[in-house]
Amino acid sequence: MVERSAPIDRTLAAIADSTRRAILARLALGEARVTDLAEPFDLSLNAISKHLRVLERASLLRREVRGREHLLSLEARPLREAAEWITAYQAFWEHRLDALDAFLRRKKKRRGRRET
């Protein structure tokens, strides 16, 4: 199957899972081996590897092989891009919600005048 989703889609899908977010939080502290990342979870190494593949497809991980060890580190660029995308929509919706709030306040004030 060919993966055709946009990078932002892969990033958001990857961080939608709490286990993957916990893995990213650990990697924010520095590089780690796969076995180190698996340790705090009650999951098989195979299950952790599947989570890591999702993170790798989203370009959120960098893998370096040193002998038999696989060291993983965080690649923050996709997270920054997702944050920028969210910020753009946040500004749009804050403006819209502020306008709605002002409209509802004016309407409530007018209704209060008519009732007196």
PDB file of N, CA and C in Angstrom:
ATOM      1  N   MET A   1       0.835  -1.176   0.000  1.00  0.00           N
ATOM      2  CA  MET A   1       0.000   0.000   0.000  1.00  0.00           C
ATOM      3  C   MET A   1       0.880   1.240   0.000  1.00  0.00           C
ATOM      4  N   VAL A   2       0.611   2.176  -0.879  1.00  0.00           N
ATOM      5  CA  VAL A   2       1.384   3.401  -0.981  1.00  0.00           C
ATOM      6  C   VAL A   2       0.818   4.422  -0.007  1.00  0.00           C
ATOM      7  N   GLU A   3       1.690   5.003   0.781  1.00  0.00           N
ATOM      8  CA  GLU A   3       1.277   6.012   1.752  1.00  0.00           C
ATOM      9  C   GLU A   3       1.300   7.375   1.079  1.00  0.00           C
ATOM     10  N   ARG A   4       0.132   7.996   0.943  1.00  0.00           N
ATOM     11  CA  ARG A   4       0.036   9.263   0.235  1.00  0.00           C
ATOM     12  C   ARG A   4      -0.438  10.407   1.119  1.00  0.00           C
ATOM     13  N   SER A   5      -0.582  10.191   2.405  1.00  0.00           N
ATOM     14  CA  SER A   5      -1.102  11.253   3.255  1.00  0.00           C
ATOM     15  C   SER A   5      -0.060  12.349   3.433  1.00  0.00           C
ATOM     16  N   ALA A   6      -0.551  13.528   3.668  1.00  0.00           N
ATOM     17  CA  ALA A   6       0.317  14.687   3.861  1.00  0.00           C
ATOM     18  C   ALA A   6       1.103  14.522   5.161  1.00  0.00           C
ATOM     19  N   PRO A   7       2.276  15.149   5.240  1.00  0.00           N
ATOM     20  CA  PRO A   7       3.076  15.045   6.465  1.00  0.00           C
ATOM     21  C   PRO A   7       2.306  15.456   7.724  1.00  0.00           C
ATOM     22  N   ILE A   8       1.500  16.516   7.629  1.00  0.00           N
ATOM     23  CA  ILE A   8       0.737  16.952   8.810  1.00  0.00           C
ATOM     24  C   ILE A   8      -0.228  15.856   9.253  1.00  0.00           C
ATOM     25  N   ASP A   9      -0.813  15.135   8.286  1.00  0.00           N
ATOM     26  CA  ASP A   9      -1.730  14.042   8.624  1.00  0.00           C
ATOM     27  C   ASP A   9      -0.994  12.935   9.369  1.00  0.00           C
ATOM     28  N   ARG A  10       0.193  12.592   8.904  1.00  0.00           N
ATOM     29  CA  ARG A  10       0.971  11.536   9.564  1.00  0.00           C
ATOM     30  C   ARG A  10       1.393  11.975  10.964  1.00  0.00           C
ATOM     31  N   THR A  11       1.765  13.245  11.107  1.00  0.00           N
ATOM     32  CA  THR A  11       2.168  13.752  12.421  1.00  0.00           C
ATOM     33  C   THR A  11       1.005  13.695  13.400  1.00  0.00           C
ATOM     34  N   LEU A  12      -0.145  14.222  12.985  1.00  0.00           N
ATOM     35  CA  LEU A  12      -1.298  14.248  13.887  1.00  0.00           C
ATOM     36  C   LEU A  12      -1.778  12.840  14.217  1.00  0.00           C
ATOM     37  N   ALA A  13      -1.747  11.946  13.248  1.00  0.00           N
ATOM     38  CA  ALA A  13      -2.140  10.555  13.511  1.00  0.00           C
ATOM     39  C   ALA A  13      -1.165   9.902  14.492  1.00  0.00           C
ATOM     40  N   ALA A  14       0.116  10.196  14.343  1.00  0.00           N
ATOM     41  CA  ALA A  14       1.129   9.599  15.219  1.00  0.00           C
ATOM     42  C   ALA A  14       0.970  10.067  16.659  1.00  0.00           C
ATOM     43  N   ILE A  15       0.693  11.345  16.863  1.00  0.00           N
ATOM     44  CA  ILE A  15       0.597  11.857  18.238  1.00  0.00           C
ATOM     45  C   ILE A  15      -0.792  11.666  18.840  1.00  0.00           C
ATOM     46  N   ALA A  16      -1.698  11.057  18.089  1.00  0.00           N
ATOM     47  CA  ALA A  16      -3.044  10.798  18.614  1.00  0.00           C
ATOM     48  C   ALA A  16      -3.042   9.688  19.664  1.00  0.00           C
ATOM     49  N   ASP A  17      -1.981   8.919  19.725  1.00  0.00           N
ATOM     50  CA  ASP A  17      -1.904   7.787  20.646  1.00  0.00           C
ATOM     51  C   ASP A  17      -1.068   8.145  21.876  1.00  0.00           C
ATOM     52  N   SER A  18      -1.583   7.842  23.064  1.00  0.00           N
ATOM     53  CA  SER A  18      -0.890   8.221  24.304  1.00  0.00           C
ATOM     54  C   SER A  18       0.453   7.507  24.473  1.00  0.00           C
ATOM     55  N   THR A  19       0.566   6.277  24.019  1.00  0.00           N
ATOM     56  CA  THR A  19       1.850   5.569  24.115  1.00  0.00           C
ATOM     57  C   THR A  19       2.897   6.268  23.266  1.00  0.00           C
ATOM     58  N   ARG A  20       2.524   6.651  22.062  1.00  0.00           N
ATOM     59  CA  ARG A  20       3.484   7.339  21.185  1.00  0.00           C
ATOM     60  C   ARG A  20       3.850   8.709  21.750  1.00  0.00           C
ATOM     61  N   ARG A  21       2.886   9.402  22.359  1.00  0.00           N
ATOM     62  CA  ARG A  21       3.220  10.692  22.987  1.00  0.00           C
ATOM     63  C   ARG A  21       4.193  10.487  24.143  1.00  0.00           C
ATOM     64  N   ALA A  22       4.007   9.420  24.909  1.00  0.00           N
ATOM     65  CA  ALA A  22       4.925   9.127  26.017  1.00  0.00           C
ATOM     66  C   ALA A  22       6.320   8.801  25.490  1.00  0.00           C
ATOM     67  N   ILE A  23       6.393   8.086  24.393  1.00  0.00           N
ATOM     68  CA  ILE A  23       7.691   7.780  23.778  1.00  0.00           C
ATOM     69  C   ILE A  23       8.370   9.073  23.343  1.00  0.00           C
ATOM     70  N   LEU A  24       7.619   9.970  22.715  1.00  0.00           N
ATOM     71  CA  LEU A  24       8.193  11.254  22.287  1.00  0.00           C
ATOM     72  C   LEU A  24       8.648  12.077  23.484  1.00  0.00           C
ATOM     73  N   ALA A  25       7.869  12.046  24.567  1.00  0.00           N
ATOM     74  CA  ALA A  25       8.256  12.786  25.776  1.00  0.00           C
ATOM     75  C   ALA A  25       9.573  12.247  26.325  1.00  0.00           C
ATOM     76  N   ARG A  26       9.738  10.932  26.308  1.00  0.00           N
ATOM     77  CA  ARG A  26      10.999  10.343  26.768  1.00  0.00           C
ATOM     78  C   ARG A  26      12.148  10.755  25.864  1.00  0.00           C
ATOM     79  N   LEU A  27      11.910  10.738  24.549  1.00  0.00           N
ATOM     80  CA  LEU A  27      12.974  11.100  23.605  1.00  0.00           C
ATOM     81  C   LEU A  27      13.309  12.585  23.656  1.00  0.00           C
ATOM     82  N   ALA A  28      12.402  13.398  24.162  1.00  0.00           N
ATOM     83  CA  ALA A  28      12.702  14.825  24.333  1.00  0.00           C
ATOM     84  C   ALA A  28      13.825  15.019  25.352  1.00  0.00           C
ATOM     85  N   LEU A  29      14.035  14.028  26.206  1.00  0.00           N
ATOM     86  CA  LEU A  29      15.117  14.087  27.199  1.00  0.00           C
ATOM     87  C   LEU A  29      16.458  13.671  26.618  1.00  0.00           C
ATOM     88  N   GLY A  30      16.438  12.993  25.477  1.00  0.00           N
ATOM     89  CA  GLY A  30      17.668  12.536  24.844  1.00  0.00           C
ATOM     90  C   GLY A  30      17.469  11.192  24.176  1.00  0.00           C
ATOM     91  N   GLU A  31      18.475  10.764  23.417  1.00  0.00           N
ATOM     92  CA  GLU A  31      18.361   9.515  22.668  1.00  0.00           C
ATOM     93  C   GLU A  31      18.197   8.325  23.611  1.00  0.00           C
ATOM     94  N   ALA A  32      17.599   7.268  23.072  1.00  0.00           N
ATOM     95  CA  ALA A  32      17.358   6.068  23.878  1.00  0.00           C
ATOM     96  C   ALA A  32      17.354   4.842  22.976  1.00  0.00           C
ATOM     97  N   ARG A  33      17.673   3.696  23.579  1.00  0.00           N
ATOM     98  CA  ARG A  33      17.585   2.426  22.864  1.00  0.00           C
ATOM     99  C   ARG A  33      16.133   1.971  22.851  1.00  0.00           C
ATOM    100  N   VAL A  34      15.798   1.127  21.906  1.00  0.00           N
ATOM    101  CA  VAL A  34      14.433   0.607  21.802  1.00  0.00           C
ATOM    102  C   VAL A  34      14.031  -0.067  23.110  1.00  0.00           C
ATOM    103  N   THR A  35      14.920  -0.862  23.680  1.00  0.00           N
ATOM    104  CA  THR A  35      14.586  -1.562  24.928  1.00  0.00           C
ATOM    105  C   THR A  35      14.341  -0.587  26.074  1.00  0.00           C
ATOM    106  N   ASP A  36      15.077   0.528  26.107  1.00  0.00           N
ATOM    107  CA  ASP A  36      14.849   1.548  27.136  1.00  0.00           C
ATOM    108  C   ASP A  36      13.466   2.177  26.969  1.00  0.00           C
ATOM    109  N   LEU A  37      13.081   2.416  25.725  1.00  0.00           N
ATOM    110  CA  LEU A  37      11.775   3.020  25.463  1.00  0.00           C
ATOM    111  C   LEU A  37      10.642   2.074  25.826  1.00  0.00           C
ATOM    112  N   ALA A  38      10.870   0.772  25.660  1.00  0.00           N
ATOM    113  CA  ALA A  38       9.828  -0.221  25.936  1.00  0.00           C
ATOM    114  C   ALA A  38       9.632  -0.462  27.428  1.00  0.00           C
ATOM    115  N   GLU A  39      10.661  -0.225  28.220  1.00  0.00           N
ATOM    116  CA  GLU A  39      10.658  -0.593  29.637  1.00  0.00           C
ATOM    117  C   GLU A  39       9.447  -0.103  30.439  1.00  0.00           C
ATOM    118  N   PRO A  40       9.042   1.166  30.353  1.00  0.00           N
ATOM    119  CA  PRO A  40       7.944   1.618  31.218  1.00  0.00           C
ATOM    120  C   PRO A  40       6.551   1.138  30.800  1.00  0.00           C
ATOM    121  N   PHE A  41       6.440   0.485  29.670  1.00  0.00           N
ATOM    122  CA  PHE A  41       5.130   0.083  29.154  1.00  0.00           C
ATOM    123  C   PHE A  41       4.871  -1.399  29.380  1.00  0.00           C
ATOM    124  N   ASP A  42       3.633  -1.720  29.603  1.00  0.00           N
ATOM    125  CA  ASP A  42       3.221  -3.116  29.735  1.00  0.00           C
ATOM    126  C   ASP A  42       2.836  -3.638  28.352  1.00  0.00           C
ATOM    127  N   LEU A  43       3.787  -3.526  27.420  1.00  0.00           N
ATOM    128  CA  LEU A  43       3.580  -3.935  26.034  1.00  0.00           C
ATOM    129  C   LEU A  43       4.755  -4.793  25.593  1.00  0.00           C
ATOM    130  N   SER A  44       4.514  -5.639  24.622  1.00  0.00           N
ATOM    131  CA  SER A  44       5.599  -6.459  24.077  1.00  0.00           C
ATOM    132  C   SER A  44       6.551  -5.573  23.273  1.00  0.00           C
ATOM    133  N   LEU A  45       7.751  -6.066  23.072  1.00  0.00           N
ATOM    134  CA  LEU A  45       8.723  -5.343  22.254  1.00  0.00           C
ATOM    135  C   LEU A  45       8.190  -5.183  20.829  1.00  0.00           C
ATOM    136  N   ASN A  46       7.447  -6.176  20.360  1.00  0.00           N
ATOM    137  CA  ASN A  46       6.838  -6.113  19.035  1.00  0.00           C
ATOM    138  C   ASN A  46       5.824  -4.962  18.959  1.00  0.00           C
ATOM    139  N   ALA A  47       5.012  -4.795  19.996  1.00  0.00           N
ATOM    140  CA  ALA A  47       4.023  -3.709  20.016  1.00  0.00           C
ATOM    141  C   ALA A  47       4.724  -2.351  20.042  1.00  0.00           C
ATOM    142  N   ILE A  48       5.778  -2.232  20.835  1.00  0.00           N
ATOM    143  CA  ILE A  48       6.540  -0.975  20.881  1.00  0.00           C
ATOM    144  C   ILE A  48       7.148  -0.696  19.514  1.00  0.00           C
ATOM    145  N   SER A  49       7.663  -1.725  18.864  1.00  0.00           N
ATOM    146  CA  SER A  49       8.248  -1.550  17.529  1.00  0.00           C
ATOM    147  C   SER A  49       7.219  -1.025  16.534  1.00  0.00           C
ATOM    148  N   LYS A  50       5.984  -1.480  16.652  1.00  0.00           N
ATOM    149  CA  LYS A  50       4.928  -0.968  15.770  1.00  0.00           C
ATOM    150  C   LYS A  50       4.685   0.517  16.021  1.00  0.00           C
ATOM    151  N   HIS A  51       4.663   0.911  17.289  1.00  0.00           N
ATOM    152  CA  HIS A  51       4.512   2.333  17.619  1.00  0.00           C
ATOM    153  C   HIS A  51       5.682   3.141  17.050  1.00  0.00           C
ATOM    154  N   LEU A  52       6.880   2.591  17.166  1.00  0.00           N
ATOM    155  CA  LEU A  52       8.060   3.292  16.655  1.00  0.00           C
ATOM    156  C   LEU A  52       7.999   3.442  15.139  1.00  0.00           C
ATOM    157  N   ARG A  53       7.491   2.441  14.446  1.00  0.00           N
ATOM    158  CA  ARG A  53       7.349   2.542  12.984  1.00  0.00           C
ATOM    159  C   ARG A  53       6.382   3.662  12.599  1.00  0.00           C
ATOM    160  N   VAL A  54       5.301   3.800  13.349  1.00  0.00           N
ATOM    161  CA  VAL A  54       4.356   4.896  13.078  1.00  0.00           C
ATOM    162  C   VAL A  54       5.060   6.238  13.264  1.00  0.00           C
ATOM    163  N   LEU A  55       5.827   6.357  14.338  1.00  0.00           N
ATOM    164  CA  LEU A  55       6.561   7.603  14.593  1.00  0.00           C
ATOM    165  C   LEU A  55       7.616   7.854  13.520  1.00  0.00           C
ATOM    166  N   GLU A  56       8.265   6.799  13.057  1.00  0.00           N
ATOM    167  CA  GLU A  56       9.265   6.948  11.992  1.00  0.00           C
ATOM    168  C   GLU A  56       8.619   7.366  10.679  1.00  0.00           C
ATOM    169  N   ARG A  57       7.466   6.775  10.340  1.00  0.00           N
ATOM    170  CA  ARG A  57       6.771   7.164   9.103  1.00  0.00           C
ATOM    171  C   ARG A  57       6.346   8.630   9.147  1.00  0.00           C
ATOM    172  N   ALA A  58       6.103   9.129  10.344  1.00  0.00           N
ATOM    173  CA  ALA A  58       5.740  10.541  10.514  1.00  0.00           C
ATOM    174  C   ALA A  58       6.981  11.428  10.614  1.00  0.00           C
ATOM    175  N   SER A  59       8.163  10.847  10.450  1.00  0.00           N
ATOM    176  CA  SER A  59       9.450  11.564  10.526  1.00  0.00           C
ATOM    177  C   SER A  59       9.682  12.206  11.890  1.00  0.00           C
ATOM    178  N   LEU A  60       9.111  11.606  12.929  1.00  0.00           N
ATOM    179  CA  LEU A  60       9.277  12.130  14.283  1.00  0.00           C
ATOM    180  C   LEU A  60      10.464  11.503  15.011  1.00  0.00           C
ATOM    181  N   LEU A  61      11.042  10.469  14.419  1.00  0.00           N
ATOM    182  CA  LEU A  61      12.191   9.784  15.012  1.00  0.00           C
ATOM    183  C   LEU A  61      13.349   9.735  14.041  1.00  0.00           C
ATOM    184  N   ARG A  62      14.537   9.737  14.607  1.00  0.00           N
ATOM    185  CA  ARG A  62      15.751   9.478  13.833  1.00  0.00           C
ATOM    186  C   ARG A  62      16.375   8.236  14.463  1.00  0.00           C
ATOM    187  N   ARG A  63      16.742   7.275  13.633  1.00  0.00           N
ATOM    188  CA  ARG A  63      17.307   6.013  14.117  1.00  0.00           C
ATOM    189  C   ARG A  63      18.763   5.927  13.685  1.00  0.00           C
ATOM    190  N   GLU A  64      19.611   5.591  14.643  1.00  0.00           N
ATOM    191  CA  GLU A  64      21.028   5.378  14.350  1.00  0.00           C
ATOM    192  C   GLU A  64      21.387   3.976  14.830  1.00  0.00           C
ATOM    193  N   VAL A  65      22.003   3.206  13.963  1.00  0.00           N
ATOM    194  CA  VAL A  65      22.390   1.842  14.318  1.00  0.00           C
ATOM    195  C   VAL A  65      23.868   1.853  14.692  1.00  0.00           C
ATOM    196  N   ARG A  66      24.151   1.403  15.913  1.00  0.00           N
ATOM    197  CA  ARG A  66      25.528   1.275  16.396  1.00  0.00           C
ATOM    198  C   ARG A  66      25.727  -0.181  16.799  1.00  0.00           C
ATOM    199  N   GLY A  67      26.348  -0.924  15.912  1.00  0.00           N
ATOM    200  CA  GLY A  67      26.492  -2.360  16.168  1.00  0.00           C
ATOM    201  C   GLY A  67      25.124  -3.011  16.166  1.00  0.00           C
ATOM    202  N   ARG A  68      24.786  -3.637  17.288  1.00  0.00           N
ATOM    203  CA  ARG A  68      23.470  -4.289  17.403  1.00  0.00           C
ATOM    204  C   ARG A  68      22.418  -3.369  18.014  1.00  0.00           C
ATOM    205  N   GLU A  69      22.846  -2.224  18.493  1.00  0.00           N
ATOM    206  CA  GLU A  69      21.904  -1.309  19.151  1.00  0.00           C
ATOM    207  C   GLU A  69      21.298  -0.321  18.163  1.00  0.00           C
ATOM    208  N   HIS A  70      20.025  -0.063  18.366  1.00  0.00           N
ATOM    209  CA  HIS A  70      19.325   0.968  17.603  1.00  0.00           C
ATOM    210  C   HIS A  70      19.037   2.107  18.565  1.00  0.00           C
ATOM    211  N   LEU A  71      19.659   3.250  18.300  1.00  0.00           N
ATOM    212  CA  LEU A  71      19.434   4.424  19.137  1.00  0.00           C
ATOM    213  C   LEU A  71      18.467   5.351  18.419  1.00  0.00           C
ATOM    214  N   LEU A  72      17.473   5.789  19.154  1.00  0.00           N
ATOM    215  CA  LEU A  72      16.448   6.655  18.590  1.00  0.00           C
ATOM    216  C   LEU A  72      16.533   8.024  19.224  1.00  0.00           C
ATOM    217  N   SER A  73      16.261   9.035  18.422  1.00  0.00           N
ATOM    218  CA  SER A  73      16.207  10.398  18.941  1.00  0.00           C
ATOM    219  C   SER A  73      15.021  11.113  18.304  1.00  0.00           C
ATOM    220  N   LEU A  74      14.606  12.158  18.970  1.00  0.00           N
ATOM    221  CA  LEU A  74      13.447  12.929  18.537  1.00  0.00           C
ATOM    222  C   LEU A  74      13.810  13.824  17.366  1.00  0.00           C
ATOM    223  N   GLU A  75      12.953  13.855  16.385  1.00  0.00           N
ATOM    224  CA  GLU A  75      13.056  14.804  15.266  1.00  0.00           C
ATOM    225  C   GLU A  75      11.876  15.760  15.442  1.00  0.00           C
ATOM    226  N   ALA A  76      12.145  16.958  15.933  1.00  0.00           N
ATOM    227  CA  ALA A  76      11.080  17.877  16.350  1.00  0.00           C
ATOM    228  C   ALA A  76      10.441  18.665  15.206  1.00  0.00           C
ATOM    229  N   ARG A  77      11.055  18.709  14.043  1.00  0.00           N
ATOM    230  CA  ARG A  77      10.532  19.529  12.942  1.00  0.00           C
ATOM    231  C   ARG A  77       9.059  19.272  12.641  1.00  0.00           C
ATOM    232  N   PRO A  78       8.612  18.012  12.500  1.00  0.00           N
ATOM    233  CA  PRO A  78       7.187  17.794  12.218  1.00  0.00           C
ATOM    234  C   PRO A  78       6.268  18.311  13.328  1.00  0.00           C
ATOM    235  N   LEU A  79       6.726  18.253  14.575  1.00  0.00           N
ATOM    236  CA  LEU A  79       5.920  18.782  15.675  1.00  0.00           C
ATOM    237  C   LEU A  79       5.805  20.298  15.584  1.00  0.00           C
ATOM    238  N   ARG A  80       6.901  20.956  15.213  1.00  0.00           N
ATOM    239  CA  ARG A  80       6.854  22.418  15.035  1.00  0.00           C
ATOM    240  C   ARG A  80       5.892  22.786  13.915  1.00  0.00           C
ATOM    241  N   GLU A  81       5.937  22.031  12.820  1.00  0.00           N
ATOM    242  CA  GLU A  81       5.034  22.301  11.698  1.00  0.00           C
ATOM    243  C   GLU A  81       3.579  22.103  12.104  1.00  0.00           C
ATOM    244  N   ALA A  82       3.302  21.070  12.883  1.00  0.00           N
ATOM    245  CA  ALA A  82       1.934  20.838  13.366  1.00  0.00           C
ATOM    246  C   ALA A  82       1.503  21.963  14.303  1.00  0.00           C
ATOM    247  N   ALA A  83       2.417  22.401  15.159  1.00  0.00           N
ATOM    248  CA  ALA A  83       2.098  23.499  16.079  1.00  0.00           C
ATOM    249  C   ALA A  83       1.794  24.782  15.310  1.00  0.00           C
ATOM    250  N   GLU A  84       2.551  25.047  14.252  1.00  0.00           N
ATOM    251  CA  GLU A  84       2.289  26.234  13.432  1.00  0.00           C
ATOM    252  C   GLU A  84       0.924  26.146  12.764  1.00  0.00           C
ATOM    253  N   TRP A  85       0.573  24.971  12.271  1.00  0.00           N
ATOM    254  CA  TRP A  85      -0.727  24.768  11.630  1.00  0.00           C
ATOM    255  C   TRP A  85      -1.852  25.000  12.635  1.00  0.00           C
ATOM    256  N   ILE A  86      -1.702  24.434  13.842  1.00  0.00           N
ATOM    257  CA  ILE A  86      -2.710  24.596  14.892  1.00  0.00           C
ATOM    258  C   ILE A  86      -2.816  26.057  15.302  1.00  0.00           C
ATOM    259  N   THR A  87      -1.688  26.741  15.425  1.00  0.00           N
ATOM    260  CA  THR A  87      -1.691  28.153  15.811  1.00  0.00           C
ATOM    261  C   THR A  87      -2.447  29.002  14.798  1.00  0.00           C
ATOM    262  N   ALA A  88      -2.281  28.707  13.524  1.00  0.00           N
ATOM    263  CA  ALA A  88      -2.997  29.463  12.493  1.00  0.00           C
ATOM    264  C   ALA A  88      -4.504  29.297  12.659  1.00  0.00           C
ATOM    265  N   TYR A  89      -4.947  28.092  12.908  1.00  0.00           N
ATOM    266  CA  TYR A  89      -6.378  27.866  13.106  1.00  0.00           C
ATOM    267  C   TYR A  89      -6.857  28.410  14.440  1.00  0.00           C
ATOM    268  N   GLN A  90      -5.998  28.395  15.434  1.00  0.00           N
ATOM    269  CA  GLN A  90      -6.363  28.939  16.737  1.00  0.00           C
ATOM    270  C   GLN A  90      -6.674  30.424  16.607  1.00  0.00           C
ATOM    271  N   ALA A  91      -5.830  31.164  15.894  1.00  0.00           N
ATOM    272  CA  ALA A  91      -6.066  32.598  15.705  1.00  0.00           C
ATOM    273  C   ALA A  91      -7.388  32.827  14.980  1.00  0.00           C
ATOM    274  N   PHE A  92      -7.663  32.028  13.960  1.00  0.00           N
ATOM    275  CA  PHE A  92      -8.915  32.151  13.208  1.00  0.00           C
ATOM    276  C   PHE A  92     -10.110  31.939  14.126  1.00  0.00           C
ATOM    277  N   TRP A  93     -10.094  30.844  14.892  1.00  0.00           N
ATOM    278  CA  TRP A  93     -11.240  30.527  15.735  1.00  0.00           C
ATOM    279  C   TRP A  93     -11.365  31.467  16.916  1.00  0.00           C
ATOM    280  N   GLU A  94     -10.266  31.946  17.478  1.00  0.00           N
ATOM    281  CA  GLU A  94     -10.361  32.922  18.563  1.00  0.00           C
ATOM    282  C   GLU A  94     -11.046  34.183  18.073  1.00  0.00           C
ATOM    283  N   HIS A  95     -10.700  34.635  16.880  1.00  0.00           N
ATOM    284  CA  HIS A  95     -11.339  35.822  16.303  1.00  0.00           C
ATOM    285  C   HIS A  95     -12.833  35.571  16.128  1.00  0.00           C
ATOM    286  N   ARG A  96     -13.179  34.419  15.569  1.00  0.00           N
ATOM    287  CA  ARG A  96     -14.594  34.082  15.355  1.00  0.00           C
ATOM    288  C   ARG A  96     -15.349  33.984  16.677  1.00  0.00           C
ATOM    289  N   LEU A  97     -14.759  33.347  17.665  1.00  0.00           N
ATOM    290  CA  LEU A  97     -15.429  33.190  18.955  1.00  0.00           C
ATOM    291  C   LEU A  97     -15.561  34.519  19.681  1.00  0.00           C
ATOM    292  N   ASP A  98     -14.558  35.392  19.559  1.00  0.00           N
ATOM    293  CA  ASP A  98     -14.662  36.733  20.145  1.00  0.00           C
ATOM    294  C   ASP A  98     -15.806  37.505  19.505  1.00  0.00           C
ATOM    295  N   ALA A  99     -15.945  37.393  18.181  1.00  0.00           N
ATOM    296  CA  ALA A  99     -17.037  38.074  17.476  1.00  0.00           C
ATOM    297  C   ALA A  99     -18.386  37.512  17.922  1.00  0.00           C
ATOM    298  N   LEU A 100     -18.486  36.211  18.083  1.00  0.00           N
ATOM    299  CA  LEU A 100     -19.728  35.592  18.548  1.00  0.00           C
ATOM    300  C   LEU A 100     -20.053  36.049  19.962  1.00  0.00           C
ATOM    301  N   ASP A 101     -19.053  36.094  20.829  1.00  0.00           N
ATOM    302  CA  ASP A 101     -19.252  36.554  22.201  1.00  0.00           C
ATOM    303  C   ASP A 101     -19.770  37.988  22.216  1.00  0.00           C
ATOM    304  N   ALA A 102     -19.170  38.866  21.422  1.00  0.00           N
ATOM    305  CA  ALA A 102     -19.619  40.262  21.362  1.00  0.00           C
ATOM    306  C   ALA A 102     -21.059  40.344  20.862  1.00  0.00           C
ATOM    307  N   PHE A 103     -21.399  39.571  19.850  1.00  0.00           N
ATOM    308  CA  PHE A 103     -22.762  39.551  19.312  1.00  0.00           C
ATOM    309  C   PHE A 103     -23.761  39.112  20.379  1.00  0.00           C
ATOM    310  N   LEU A 104     -23.448  38.042  21.096  1.00  0.00           N
ATOM    311  CA  LEU A 104     -24.358  37.537  22.124  1.00  0.00           C
ATOM    312  C   LEU A 104     -24.514  38.520  23.276  1.00  0.00           C
ATOM    313  N   ARG A 105     -23.454  39.221  23.633  1.00  0.00           N
ATOM    314  CA  ARG A 105     -23.545  40.241  24.695  1.00  0.00           C
ATOM    315  C   ARG A 105     -24.452  41.394  24.264  1.00  0.00           C
ATOM    316  N   ARG A 106     -24.293  41.837  23.008  1.00  0.00           N
ATOM    317  CA  ARG A 106     -25.156  42.922  22.507  1.00  0.00           C
ATOM    318  C   ARG A 106     -26.614  42.479  22.487  1.00  0.00           C
ATOM    319  N   LYS A 107     -26.843  41.268  22.041  1.00  0.00           N
ATOM    320  CA  LYS A 107     -28.208  40.745  21.968  1.00  0.00           C
ATOM    321  C   LYS A 107     -28.820  40.642  23.369  1.00  0.00           C
ATOM    322  N   LYS A 108     -28.052  40.178  24.335  1.00  0.00           N
ATOM    323  CA  LYS A 108     -28.537  40.058  25.711  1.00  0.00           C
ATOM    324  C   LYS A 108     -28.846  41.437  26.287  1.00  0.00           C
ATOM    325  N   LYS A 109     -27.977  42.406  25.990  1.00  0.00           N
ATOM    326  CA  LYS A 109     -28.178  43.766  26.488  1.00  0.00           C
ATOM    327  C   LYS A 109     -29.462  44.354  25.904  1.00  0.00           C
ATOM    328  N   ARG A 110     -29.699  44.154  24.602  1.00  0.00           N
ATOM    329  CA  ARG A 110     -30.924  44.658  23.958  1.00  0.00           C
ATOM    330  C   ARG A 110     -32.161  43.994  24.552  1.00  0.00           C
ATOM    331  N   ARG A 111     -32.089  42.713  24.784  1.00  0.00           N
ATOM    332  CA  ARG A 111     -33.219  41.991  25.358  1.00  0.00           C
ATOM    333  C   ARG A 111     -33.520  42.522  26.760  1.00  0.00           C
ATOM    334  N   GLY A 112     -32.490  42.824  27.523  1.00  0.00           N
ATOM    335  CA  GLY A 112     -32.667  43.373  28.868  1.00  0.00           C
ATOM    336  C   GLY A 112     -33.348  44.729  28.838  1.00  0.00           C
ATOM    337  N   ARG A 113     -33.049  45.562  27.847  1.00  0.00           N
ATOM    338  CA  ARG A 113     -33.676  46.885  27.726  1.00  0.00           C
ATOM    339  C   ARG A 113     -35.157  46.754  27.389  1.00  0.00           C
ATOM    340  N   ARG A 114     -35.494  45.807  26.538  1.00  0.00           N
ATOM    341  CA  ARG A 114     -36.898  45.629  26.134  1.00  0.00           C
ATOM    342  C   ARG A 114     -37.760  45.128  27.285  1.00  0.00           C
ATOM    343  N   GLU A 115     -37.196  44.372  28.191  1.00  0.00           N
ATOM    344  CA  GLU A 115     -37.968  43.796  29.292  1.00  0.00           C
ATOM    345  C   GLU A 115     -38.215  44.804  30.397  1.00  0.00           C
ATOM    346  N   THR A 116     -37.534  45.939  30.415  1.00  0.00           N
ATOM    347  CA  THR A 116     -37.726  46.934  31.483  1.00  0.00           C
ATOM    348  C   THR A 116     -38.702  47.999  31.119  1.00  0.00           C
TER     349      THR A 116
END
